[in-house]
Amino acid sequence: MRNLVLFGPPGAGKGTQSEFLVKHYNLVHLSTGDVFRFNIKGGTELGKLAQSYMNKGELVPDEVTISMLEQEVEKRPDAKGFIFDGFPRTTAQAVALDKFLEARGVSIESMLALEVEVEELKKRLLARAETSGRADDADPSVIQNRIDVYNAETAPVANFYKTAGKFKSINGLGSKEDVTGRLVAAIG
């Protein structure tokens, strides 16, 4: 089973690249944003619990996020592997993911970190705002805050995978096809 963590700041190209990787390697794409929306919209117990934190402006606790992802993995016992997109966001989540996968006799093969310079991220997000209508991509101060939060809170997760020898830095600049080629080469 091939399990990959696709990692990078907002605008690095995770969504674009995961589409290709899902098809190429026959993997299941697990986006925490999609999983949250599904559970909240569906009114599941975990969705209601997550919404209760979000309504207070609080972060959803790791245990809730992890439980949602575990349910998604368990729904697909015949999967050839997973791409985790937007997860783990903290070292505690990375440790929990490893324990969960270990109990299933599998592990994360590698963390593929898309590296893109800050100015390019800003350009990409502003361009995406024009085509997607996402308000969080249209405001430069919101974009900067998202990048700052990523650098402060999420980027340190890379050290967890570096220590485990599973971190792979991928140059995220260039055409979609160039970046895809680099990812395929890194995966092997």
N, C-alpha and C. Protein backbone atom coordinates (compact mmCIF):
# COMPACT_ATOMS: atom_id res chain seq x y z
N MET A 1 0.85 -1.18 0.00
CA MET A 1 0.00 0.00 0.00
C MET A 1 0.89 1.23 0.00
N ARG A 2 0.58 2.16 -0.88
CA ARG A 2 1.35 3.39 -1.01
C ARG A 2 0.58 4.52 -0.33
N ASN A 3 1.18 5.12 0.70
CA ASN A 3 0.57 6.23 1.42
C ASN A 3 1.52 7.42 1.36
N LEU A 4 1.00 8.53 0.87
CA LEU A 4 1.80 9.73 0.68
C LEU A 4 1.17 10.92 1.39
N VAL A 5 2.01 11.80 1.91
CA VAL A 5 1.55 13.07 2.44
C VAL A 5 1.98 14.12 1.43
N LEU A 6 1.02 14.85 0.87
CA LEU A 6 1.31 15.94 -0.05
C LEU A 6 1.29 17.22 0.78
N PHE A 7 2.40 17.93 0.78
CA PHE A 7 2.63 18.99 1.74
C PHE A 7 3.04 20.27 1.03
N GLY A 8 2.66 21.39 1.58
CA GLY A 8 3.09 22.67 1.05
C GLY A 8 2.16 23.77 1.49
N PRO A 9 2.60 25.00 1.34
CA PRO A 9 1.79 26.15 1.75
C PRO A 9 0.59 26.35 0.82
N PRO A 10 -0.34 27.21 1.21
CA PRO A 10 -1.47 27.52 0.33
C PRO A 10 -0.95 28.03 -1.01
N GLY A 11 -1.48 27.49 -2.10
CA GLY A 11 -1.08 27.92 -3.42
C GLY A 11 0.11 27.17 -4.01
N ALA A 12 0.62 26.18 -3.29
CA ALA A 12 1.79 25.44 -3.77
C ALA A 12 1.44 24.47 -4.91
N GLY A 13 0.16 24.13 -5.04
CA GLY A 13 -0.25 23.22 -6.12
C GLY A 13 -0.65 21.84 -5.65
N LYS A 14 -0.94 21.69 -4.37
CA LYS A 14 -1.29 20.37 -3.84
C LYS A 14 -2.53 19.80 -4.52
N GLY A 15 -3.57 20.60 -4.65
CA GLY A 15 -4.81 20.11 -5.26
C GLY A 15 -4.59 19.71 -6.71
N THR A 16 -3.89 20.55 -7.44
CA THR A 16 -3.62 20.28 -8.85
C THR A 16 -2.82 18.99 -9.01
N GLN A 17 -1.78 18.84 -8.22
CA GLN A 17 -0.91 17.68 -8.35
C GLN A 17 -1.56 16.41 -7.82
N SER A 18 -2.38 16.55 -6.78
CA SER A 18 -3.01 15.34 -6.23
C SER A 18 -3.95 14.70 -7.24
N GLU A 19 -4.60 15.52 -8.09
CA GLU A 19 -5.48 14.96 -9.13
C GLU A 19 -4.72 13.98 -10.01
N PHE A 20 -3.52 14.37 -10.44
CA PHE A 20 -2.71 13.49 -11.28
C PHE A 20 -2.27 12.25 -10.50
N LEU A 21 -1.76 12.46 -9.29
CA LEU A 21 -1.22 11.34 -8.51
C LEU A 21 -2.30 10.30 -8.19
N VAL A 22 -3.51 10.76 -7.91
CA VAL A 22 -4.63 9.86 -7.63
C VAL A 22 -4.85 8.93 -8.82
N LYS A 23 -4.90 9.52 -10.01
CA LYS A 23 -5.13 8.71 -11.22
C LYS A 23 -3.94 7.83 -11.56
N HIS A 24 -2.75 8.41 -11.51
CA HIS A 24 -1.53 7.69 -11.92
C HIS A 24 -1.22 6.48 -11.03
N TYR A 25 -1.41 6.64 -9.74
CA TYR A 25 -1.07 5.56 -8.80
C TYR A 25 -2.30 4.83 -8.25
N ASN A 26 -3.49 5.21 -8.71
CA ASN A 26 -4.75 4.61 -8.25
C ASN A 26 -4.89 4.72 -6.73
N LEU A 27 -4.75 5.94 -6.24
CA LEU A 27 -4.82 6.22 -4.81
C LEU A 27 -6.12 6.95 -4.48
N VAL A 28 -6.44 6.99 -3.20
CA VAL A 28 -7.60 7.73 -2.70
C VAL A 28 -7.08 9.06 -2.14
N HIS A 29 -7.69 10.15 -2.57
CA HIS A 29 -7.31 11.48 -2.11
C HIS A 29 -8.11 11.81 -0.86
N LEU A 30 -7.43 12.08 0.24
CA LEU A 30 -8.09 12.48 1.48
C LEU A 30 -7.68 13.91 1.83
N SER A 31 -8.58 14.83 1.61
CA SER A 31 -8.37 16.22 1.94
C SER A 31 -9.13 16.50 3.23
N THR A 32 -8.44 17.05 4.22
CA THR A 32 -9.12 17.33 5.48
C THR A 32 -10.27 18.29 5.28
N GLY A 33 -10.11 19.26 4.39
CA GLY A 33 -11.20 20.20 4.13
C GLY A 33 -12.43 19.48 3.60
N ASP A 34 -12.23 18.57 2.65
CA ASP A 34 -13.36 17.81 2.10
C ASP A 34 -14.01 16.94 3.17
N VAL A 35 -13.18 16.30 3.99
CA VAL A 35 -13.69 15.41 5.04
C VAL A 35 -14.50 16.21 6.06
N PHE A 36 -14.00 17.39 6.44
CA PHE A 36 -14.74 18.25 7.37
C PHE A 36 -16.08 18.64 6.78
N ARG A 37 -16.06 19.13 5.53
CA ARG A 37 -17.31 19.57 4.89
C ARG A 37 -18.31 18.42 4.81
N PHE A 38 -17.86 17.23 4.45
CA PHE A 38 -18.73 16.06 4.34
C PHE A 38 -19.40 15.75 5.68
N ASN A 39 -18.59 15.73 6.74
CA ASN A 39 -19.12 15.40 8.07
C ASN A 39 -20.05 16.47 8.61
N ILE A 40 -19.72 17.73 8.38
CA ILE A 40 -20.56 18.82 8.87
C ILE A 40 -21.87 18.85 8.09
N LYS A 41 -21.78 18.78 6.77
CA LYS A 41 -22.99 18.80 5.94
C LYS A 41 -23.88 17.59 6.22
N GLY A 42 -23.24 16.43 6.45
CA GLY A 42 -23.99 15.21 6.71
C GLY A 42 -24.53 15.10 8.12
N GLY A 43 -24.13 16.04 8.99
CA GLY A 43 -24.63 16.04 10.35
C GLY A 43 -24.16 14.85 11.17
N THR A 44 -22.98 14.31 10.84
CA THR A 44 -22.46 13.18 11.62
C THR A 44 -22.10 13.66 13.02
N GLU A 45 -21.93 12.71 13.93
CA GLU A 45 -21.55 13.08 15.30
C GLU A 45 -20.23 13.85 15.30
N LEU A 46 -19.25 13.37 14.52
CA LEU A 46 -17.96 14.07 14.46
C LEU A 46 -18.12 15.43 13.80
N GLY A 47 -18.99 15.52 12.80
CA GLY A 47 -19.24 16.80 12.15
C GLY A 47 -19.85 17.81 13.10
N LYS A 48 -20.81 17.35 13.91
CA LYS A 48 -21.44 18.24 14.90
C LYS A 48 -20.41 18.69 15.93
N LEU A 49 -19.56 17.77 16.35
CA LEU A 49 -18.53 18.10 17.33
C LEU A 49 -17.55 19.13 16.75
N ALA A 50 -17.11 18.89 15.51
CA ALA A 50 -16.20 19.84 14.85
C ALA A 50 -16.85 21.20 14.72
N GLN A 51 -18.11 21.22 14.30
CA GLN A 51 -18.83 22.48 14.11
C GLN A 51 -18.95 23.25 15.42
N SER A 52 -19.11 22.53 16.53
CA SER A 52 -19.23 23.21 17.82
C SER A 52 -17.96 24.00 18.16
N TYR A 53 -16.80 23.46 17.80
CA TYR A 53 -15.55 24.18 18.03
C TYR A 53 -15.43 25.35 17.06
N MET A 54 -15.77 25.09 15.79
CA MET A 54 -15.65 26.12 14.76
C MET A 54 -16.58 27.29 15.06
N ASN A 55 -17.76 27.01 15.60
CA ASN A 55 -18.72 28.07 15.93
C ASN A 55 -18.19 29.01 17.01
N LYS A 56 -17.27 28.50 17.83
CA LYS A 56 -16.67 29.32 18.89
C LYS A 56 -15.36 29.96 18.42
N GLY A 57 -15.02 29.72 17.12
CA GLY A 57 -13.78 30.27 16.58
C GLY A 57 -12.55 29.53 17.06
N GLU A 58 -12.74 28.30 17.52
CA GLU A 58 -11.63 27.51 18.03
C GLU A 58 -11.18 26.49 16.98
N LEU A 59 -9.93 26.06 17.11
CA LEU A 59 -9.43 25.00 16.24
C LEU A 59 -10.09 23.68 16.66
N VAL A 60 -10.39 22.86 15.67
CA VAL A 60 -10.95 21.54 15.96
C VAL A 60 -9.81 20.70 16.55
N PRO A 61 -10.03 20.07 17.70
CA PRO A 61 -8.96 19.28 18.32
C PRO A 61 -8.46 18.15 17.41
N ASP A 62 -7.17 17.83 17.58
CA ASP A 62 -6.55 16.78 16.79
C ASP A 62 -7.35 15.48 16.82
N GLU A 63 -7.85 15.12 18.00
CA GLU A 63 -8.55 13.83 18.13
C GLU A 63 -9.76 13.75 17.20
N VAL A 64 -10.47 14.87 17.04
CA VAL A 64 -11.66 14.89 16.17
C VAL A 64 -11.23 14.75 14.71
N THR A 65 -10.23 15.52 14.32
CA THR A 65 -9.73 15.46 12.94
C THR A 65 -9.23 14.07 12.62
N ILE A 66 -8.47 13.50 13.53
CA ILE A 66 -7.89 12.16 13.32
C ILE A 66 -9.00 11.12 13.22
N SER A 67 -10.00 11.23 14.07
CA SER A 67 -11.12 10.28 14.02
C SER A 67 -11.84 10.34 12.67
N MET A 68 -12.03 11.55 12.16
CA MET A 68 -12.68 11.69 10.84
C MET A 68 -11.86 11.01 9.75
N LEU A 69 -10.55 11.24 9.77
CA LEU A 69 -9.70 10.64 8.74
C LEU A 69 -9.62 9.12 8.89
N GLU A 70 -9.58 8.64 10.12
CA GLU A 70 -9.56 7.19 10.34
C GLU A 70 -10.82 6.56 9.75
N GLN A 71 -11.96 7.20 9.95
CA GLN A 71 -13.21 6.68 9.38
C GLN A 71 -13.14 6.62 7.86
N GLU A 72 -12.54 7.64 7.24
CA GLU A 72 -12.43 7.67 5.78
C GLU A 72 -11.52 6.54 5.28
N VAL A 73 -10.43 6.30 5.98
CA VAL A 73 -9.52 5.21 5.59
C VAL A 73 -10.24 3.87 5.75
N GLU A 74 -10.94 3.70 6.86
CA GLU A 74 -11.61 2.42 7.12
C GLU A 74 -12.76 2.15 6.15
N LYS A 75 -13.33 3.20 5.55
CA LYS A 75 -14.39 3.02 4.55
C LYS A 75 -13.86 2.39 3.26
N ARG A 76 -12.54 2.40 3.09
CA ARG A 76 -11.93 1.96 1.83
C ARG A 76 -10.90 0.86 2.08
N PRO A 77 -11.36 -0.31 2.52
CA PRO A 77 -10.40 -1.38 2.84
C PRO A 77 -9.63 -1.91 1.63
N ASP A 78 -10.16 -1.70 0.43
CA ASP A 78 -9.48 -2.22 -0.76
C ASP A 78 -8.61 -1.17 -1.44
N ALA A 79 -8.43 -0.01 -0.84
CA ALA A 79 -7.63 1.05 -1.45
C ALA A 79 -6.18 0.60 -1.63
N LYS A 80 -5.59 1.04 -2.72
CA LYS A 80 -4.18 0.75 -2.99
C LYS A 80 -3.26 1.72 -2.23
N GLY A 81 -3.86 2.73 -1.65
CA GLY A 81 -3.11 3.71 -0.88
C GLY A 81 -3.85 5.03 -0.83
N PHE A 82 -3.26 5.97 -0.11
CA PHE A 82 -3.91 7.26 0.13
C PHE A 82 -2.93 8.41 -0.08
N ILE A 83 -3.47 9.53 -0.53
CA ILE A 83 -2.74 10.79 -0.52
C ILE A 83 -3.40 11.64 0.55
N PHE A 84 -2.66 11.99 1.56
CA PHE A 84 -3.17 12.84 2.63
C PHE A 84 -2.81 14.28 2.27
N ASP A 85 -3.83 15.11 2.07
CA ASP A 85 -3.67 16.49 1.64
C ASP A 85 -4.25 17.40 2.72
N GLY A 86 -3.39 18.23 3.31
CA GLY A 86 -3.85 19.11 4.39
C GLY A 86 -3.79 18.42 5.74
N PHE A 87 -3.16 17.29 5.78
CA PHE A 87 -3.01 16.51 7.02
C PHE A 87 -1.76 15.66 6.88
N PRO A 88 -0.96 15.56 7.90
CA PRO A 88 -1.08 16.17 9.22
C PRO A 88 -0.64 17.64 9.21
N ARG A 89 -1.28 18.42 10.07
CA ARG A 89 -0.95 19.84 10.21
C ARG A 89 -0.10 20.11 11.45
N THR A 90 -0.01 19.14 12.32
CA THR A 90 0.81 19.29 13.53
C THR A 90 1.61 18.01 13.73
N THR A 91 2.65 18.11 14.53
CA THR A 91 3.46 16.92 14.83
C THR A 91 2.62 15.88 15.56
N ALA A 92 1.73 16.34 16.44
CA ALA A 92 0.86 15.41 17.16
C ALA A 92 -0.01 14.63 16.17
N GLN A 93 -0.51 15.30 15.12
CA GLN A 93 -1.30 14.61 14.11
C GLN A 93 -0.44 13.62 13.32
N ALA A 94 0.81 13.98 13.04
CA ALA A 94 1.71 13.07 12.32
C ALA A 94 1.96 11.80 13.14
N VAL A 95 2.18 11.98 14.44
CA VAL A 95 2.40 10.83 15.33
C VAL A 95 1.15 9.95 15.36
N ALA A 96 -0.02 10.58 15.48
CA ALA A 96 -1.28 9.82 15.53
C ALA A 96 -1.52 9.08 14.21
N LEU A 97 -1.22 9.71 13.09
CA LEU A 97 -1.39 9.06 11.79
C LEU A 97 -0.47 7.85 11.69
N ASP A 98 0.76 8.00 12.12
CA ASP A 98 1.70 6.87 12.09
C ASP A 98 1.19 5.70 12.94
N LYS A 99 0.70 6.00 14.14
CA LYS A 99 0.19 4.94 15.02
C LYS A 99 -1.01 4.24 14.40
N PHE A 100 -1.92 5.02 13.82
CA PHE A 100 -3.10 4.45 13.18
C PHE A 100 -2.70 3.55 12.01
N LEU A 101 -1.81 4.03 11.16
CA LEU A 101 -1.40 3.23 10.00
C LEU A 101 -0.61 1.99 10.43
N GLU A 102 0.25 2.15 11.44
CA GLU A 102 1.02 1.01 11.96
C GLU A 102 0.09 -0.11 12.42
N ALA A 103 -1.00 0.25 13.07
CA ALA A 103 -1.97 -0.74 13.56
C ALA A 103 -2.60 -1.50 12.39
N ARG A 104 -2.58 -0.90 11.20
CA ARG A 104 -3.11 -1.54 9.99
C ARG A 104 -2.00 -2.24 9.20
N GLY A 105 -0.77 -2.19 9.73
CA GLY A 105 0.35 -2.85 9.07
C GLY A 105 0.93 -2.07 7.89
N VAL A 106 0.67 -0.76 7.85
CA VAL A 106 1.20 0.08 6.77
C VAL A 106 1.80 1.34 7.37
N SER A 107 2.38 2.18 6.51
CA SER A 107 2.97 3.42 6.99
C SER A 107 2.95 4.46 5.88
N ILE A 108 3.37 5.67 6.24
CA ILE A 108 3.56 6.72 5.24
C ILE A 108 4.85 6.39 4.50
N GLU A 109 4.75 6.35 3.18
CA GLU A 109 5.93 6.09 2.35
C GLU A 109 6.83 7.33 2.30
N SER A 110 6.21 8.48 2.02
CA SER A 110 6.99 9.71 2.00
C SER A 110 6.10 10.94 2.10
N MET A 111 6.73 12.01 2.55
CA MET A 111 6.10 13.33 2.54
C MET A 111 6.71 14.06 1.36
N LEU A 112 5.86 14.46 0.43
CA LEU A 112 6.28 15.20 -0.75
C LEU A 112 5.96 16.66 -0.51
N ALA A 113 7.00 17.47 -0.28
CA ALA A 113 6.81 18.87 0.08
C ALA A 113 7.03 19.75 -1.13
N LEU A 114 5.95 20.38 -1.61
CA LEU A 114 6.05 21.32 -2.73
C LEU A 114 6.60 22.64 -2.21
N GLU A 115 7.76 23.02 -2.72
CA GLU A 115 8.45 24.23 -2.28
C GLU A 115 8.23 25.34 -3.32
N VAL A 116 7.63 26.44 -2.89
CA VAL A 116 7.33 27.57 -3.77
C VAL A 116 7.62 28.85 -3.01
N GLU A 117 8.28 29.80 -3.68
CA GLU A 117 8.61 31.08 -3.05
C GLU A 117 7.33 31.86 -2.71
N VAL A 118 7.40 32.65 -1.65
CA VAL A 118 6.24 33.37 -1.13
C VAL A 118 5.59 34.28 -2.19
N GLU A 119 6.38 35.02 -2.94
CA GLU A 119 5.80 35.92 -3.94
C GLU A 119 5.03 35.15 -5.00
N GLU A 120 5.52 33.97 -5.39
CA GLU A 120 4.82 33.14 -6.37
C GLU A 120 3.53 32.60 -5.77
N LEU A 121 3.55 32.20 -4.49
CA LEU A 121 2.33 31.74 -3.83
C LEU A 121 1.25 32.82 -3.89
N LYS A 122 1.65 34.05 -3.58
CA LYS A 122 0.70 35.16 -3.58
C LYS A 122 0.10 35.35 -4.97
N LYS A 123 0.94 35.31 -6.00
CA LYS A 123 0.44 35.47 -7.38
C LYS A 123 -0.55 34.36 -7.73
N ARG A 124 -0.20 33.13 -7.37
CA ARG A 124 -1.07 31.99 -7.67
C ARG A 124 -2.42 32.10 -6.98
N LEU A 125 -2.38 32.49 -5.71
CA LEU A 125 -3.63 32.59 -4.95
C LEU A 125 -4.52 33.71 -5.48
N LEU A 126 -3.93 34.83 -5.84
CA LEU A 126 -4.72 35.92 -6.41
C LEU A 126 -5.33 35.50 -7.75
N ALA A 127 -4.56 34.77 -8.55
CA ALA A 127 -5.07 34.28 -9.84
C ALA A 127 -6.19 33.26 -9.61
N ARG A 128 -6.01 32.41 -8.61
CA ARG A 128 -7.04 31.41 -8.31
C ARG A 128 -8.33 32.08 -7.85
N ALA A 129 -8.21 33.19 -7.15
CA ALA A 129 -9.39 33.91 -6.68
C ALA A 129 -10.26 34.36 -7.85
N GLU A 130 -9.60 34.73 -8.94
CA GLU A 130 -10.34 35.19 -10.11
C GLU A 130 -11.13 34.07 -10.76
N THR A 131 -10.61 32.84 -10.69
CA THR A 131 -11.30 31.72 -11.35
C THR A 131 -12.20 30.93 -10.41
N SER A 132 -11.87 30.92 -9.12
CA SER A 132 -12.63 30.08 -8.18
C SER A 132 -13.66 30.86 -7.38
N GLY A 133 -13.45 32.15 -7.26
CA GLY A 133 -14.35 32.96 -6.45
C GLY A 133 -14.12 32.81 -4.96
N ARG A 134 -13.01 32.17 -4.56
CA ARG A 134 -12.73 31.99 -3.14
C ARG A 134 -12.28 33.32 -2.53
N ALA A 135 -13.05 33.80 -1.56
CA ALA A 135 -12.76 35.09 -0.93
C ALA A 135 -11.41 35.06 -0.21
N ASP A 136 -11.03 33.90 0.35
CA ASP A 136 -9.77 33.83 1.10
C ASP A 136 -8.55 33.91 0.18
N ASP A 137 -8.76 33.77 -1.13
CA ASP A 137 -7.66 33.89 -2.09
C ASP A 137 -7.57 35.29 -2.68
N ALA A 138 -8.55 36.15 -2.41
CA ALA A 138 -8.62 37.46 -3.06
C ALA A 138 -8.02 38.59 -2.23
N ASP A 139 -7.90 38.40 -0.94
CA ASP A 139 -7.45 39.46 -0.04
C ASP A 139 -5.97 39.25 0.31
N PRO A 140 -5.09 40.15 -0.12
CA PRO A 140 -3.66 39.99 0.16
C PRO A 140 -3.33 39.82 1.64
N SER A 141 -4.06 40.49 2.54
CA SER A 141 -3.75 40.36 3.97
C SER A 141 -4.16 38.97 4.47
N VAL A 142 -5.26 38.43 3.95
CA VAL A 142 -5.68 37.07 4.33
C VAL A 142 -4.67 36.06 3.79
N ILE A 143 -4.22 36.27 2.56
CA ILE A 143 -3.21 35.38 1.96
C ILE A 143 -1.96 35.37 2.83
N GLN A 144 -1.48 36.57 3.20
CA GLN A 144 -0.27 36.65 4.02
C GLN A 144 -0.48 35.94 5.35
N ASN A 145 -1.65 36.11 5.96
CA ASN A 145 -1.93 35.45 7.23
C ASN A 145 -1.92 33.94 7.06
N ARG A 146 -2.52 33.42 5.99
CA ARG A 146 -2.53 31.97 5.75
C ARG A 146 -1.11 31.44 5.59
N ILE A 147 -0.26 32.18 4.88
CA ILE A 147 1.13 31.77 4.70
C ILE A 147 1.87 31.82 6.04
N ASP A 148 1.63 32.87 6.83
CA ASP A 148 2.27 33.00 8.15
C ASP A 148 1.85 31.84 9.07
N VAL A 149 0.56 31.52 9.08
CA VAL A 149 0.07 30.41 9.91
C VAL A 149 0.71 29.09 9.46
N TYR A 150 0.78 28.89 8.15
CA TYR A 150 1.43 27.68 7.64
C TYR A 150 2.88 27.61 8.13
N ASN A 151 3.63 28.70 7.98
CA ASN A 151 5.05 28.71 8.37
C ASN A 151 5.23 28.48 9.87
N ALA A 152 4.34 29.04 10.68
CA ALA A 152 4.48 28.93 12.12
C ALA A 152 3.99 27.60 12.67
N GLU A 153 2.87 27.10 12.12
CA GLU A 153 2.22 25.95 12.74
C GLU A 153 2.36 24.65 11.97
N THR A 154 2.35 24.73 10.63
CA THR A 154 2.33 23.51 9.84
C THR A 154 3.70 23.11 9.33
N ALA A 155 4.50 24.05 8.88
CA ALA A 155 5.81 23.74 8.34
C ALA A 155 6.67 22.87 9.27
N PRO A 156 6.60 23.06 10.61
CA PRO A 156 7.41 22.21 11.49
C PRO A 156 7.13 20.71 11.38
N VAL A 157 5.96 20.33 10.84
CA VAL A 157 5.67 18.91 10.67
C VAL A 157 6.69 18.25 9.74
N ALA A 158 7.27 19.03 8.83
CA ALA A 158 8.29 18.49 7.92
C ALA A 158 9.44 17.86 8.70
N ASN A 159 9.79 18.45 9.84
CA ASN A 159 10.90 17.90 10.64
C ASN A 159 10.60 16.49 11.12
N PHE A 160 9.35 16.20 11.42
CA PHE A 160 8.96 14.86 11.84
C PHE A 160 9.30 13.84 10.75
N TYR A 161 8.97 14.20 9.50
CA TYR A 161 9.24 13.28 8.39
C TYR A 161 10.71 13.28 7.97
N LYS A 162 11.41 14.41 8.17
CA LYS A 162 12.85 14.44 7.91
C LYS A 162 13.56 13.47 8.85
N THR A 163 13.19 13.53 10.12
CA THR A 163 13.80 12.64 11.12
C THR A 163 13.55 11.18 10.77
N ALA A 164 12.38 10.89 10.21
CA ALA A 164 12.03 9.52 9.83
C ALA A 164 12.62 9.12 8.47
N GLY A 165 13.30 10.07 7.80
CA GLY A 165 13.88 9.77 6.49
C GLY A 165 12.85 9.67 5.37
N LYS A 166 11.70 10.31 5.57
CA LYS A 166 10.61 10.20 4.59
C LYS A 166 10.30 11.52 3.89
N PHE A 167 11.05 12.56 4.17
CA PHE A 167 10.81 13.88 3.61
C PHE A 167 11.47 14.01 2.24
N LYS A 168 10.70 14.51 1.26
CA LYS A 168 11.24 14.76 -0.08
C LYS A 168 10.82 16.15 -0.52
N SER A 169 11.80 17.01 -0.73
CA SER A 169 11.55 18.38 -1.18
C SER A 169 11.37 18.36 -2.69
N ILE A 170 10.29 18.99 -3.16
CA ILE A 170 9.98 19.04 -4.58
C ILE A 170 9.89 20.50 -5.01
N ASN A 171 10.65 20.88 -6.02
CA ASN A 171 10.57 22.22 -6.56
C ASN A 171 9.18 22.39 -7.18
N GLY A 172 8.37 23.29 -6.62
CA GLY A 172 7.01 23.49 -7.09
C GLY A 172 6.87 24.57 -8.15
N LEU A 173 8.00 25.08 -8.67
CA LEU A 173 7.95 26.10 -9.71
C LEU A 173 8.02 25.46 -11.09
N GLY A 174 7.43 26.12 -12.06
CA GLY A 174 7.44 25.62 -13.43
C GLY A 174 6.06 25.19 -13.84
N SER A 175 5.98 24.54 -14.98
CA SER A 175 4.68 24.11 -15.49
C SER A 175 4.12 22.97 -14.64
N LYS A 176 2.83 22.77 -14.77
CA LYS A 176 2.16 21.67 -14.07
C LYS A 176 2.87 20.35 -14.40
N GLU A 177 3.20 20.18 -15.68
CA GLU A 177 3.84 18.93 -16.12
C GLU A 177 5.25 18.78 -15.54
N ASP A 178 5.98 19.89 -15.43
CA ASP A 178 7.33 19.83 -14.83
C ASP A 178 7.26 19.37 -13.38
N VAL A 179 6.33 19.96 -12.64
CA VAL A 179 6.19 19.61 -11.22
C VAL A 179 5.73 18.15 -11.10
N THR A 180 4.79 17.74 -11.93
CA THR A 180 4.33 16.36 -11.92
C THR A 180 5.48 15.40 -12.16
N GLY A 181 6.31 15.72 -13.12
CA GLY A 181 7.49 14.88 -13.42
C GLY A 181 8.40 14.75 -12.22
N ARG A 182 8.61 15.85 -11.51
CA ARG A 182 9.47 15.81 -10.31
C ARG A 182 8.85 14.93 -9.22
N LEU A 183 7.54 15.03 -9.07
CA LEU A 183 6.85 14.21 -8.07
C LEU A 183 6.97 12.72 -8.40
N VAL A 184 6.73 12.37 -9.64
CA VAL A 184 6.81 10.97 -10.07
C VAL A 184 8.23 10.44 -9.85
N ALA A 185 9.24 11.26 -10.20
CA ALA A 185 10.63 10.84 -9.99
C ALA A 185 10.92 10.62 -8.51
N ALA A 186 10.38 11.49 -7.65
CA ALA A 186 10.62 11.38 -6.21
C ALA A 186 9.92 10.16 -5.62
N ILE A 187 8.75 9.84 -6.15
CA ILE A 187 8.00 8.69 -5.64
C ILE A 187 8.69 7.40 -6.07
N GLY A 188 9.21 7.40 -7.28
CA GLY A 188 9.92 6.22 -7.78
C GLY A 188 9.05 5.17 -8.40
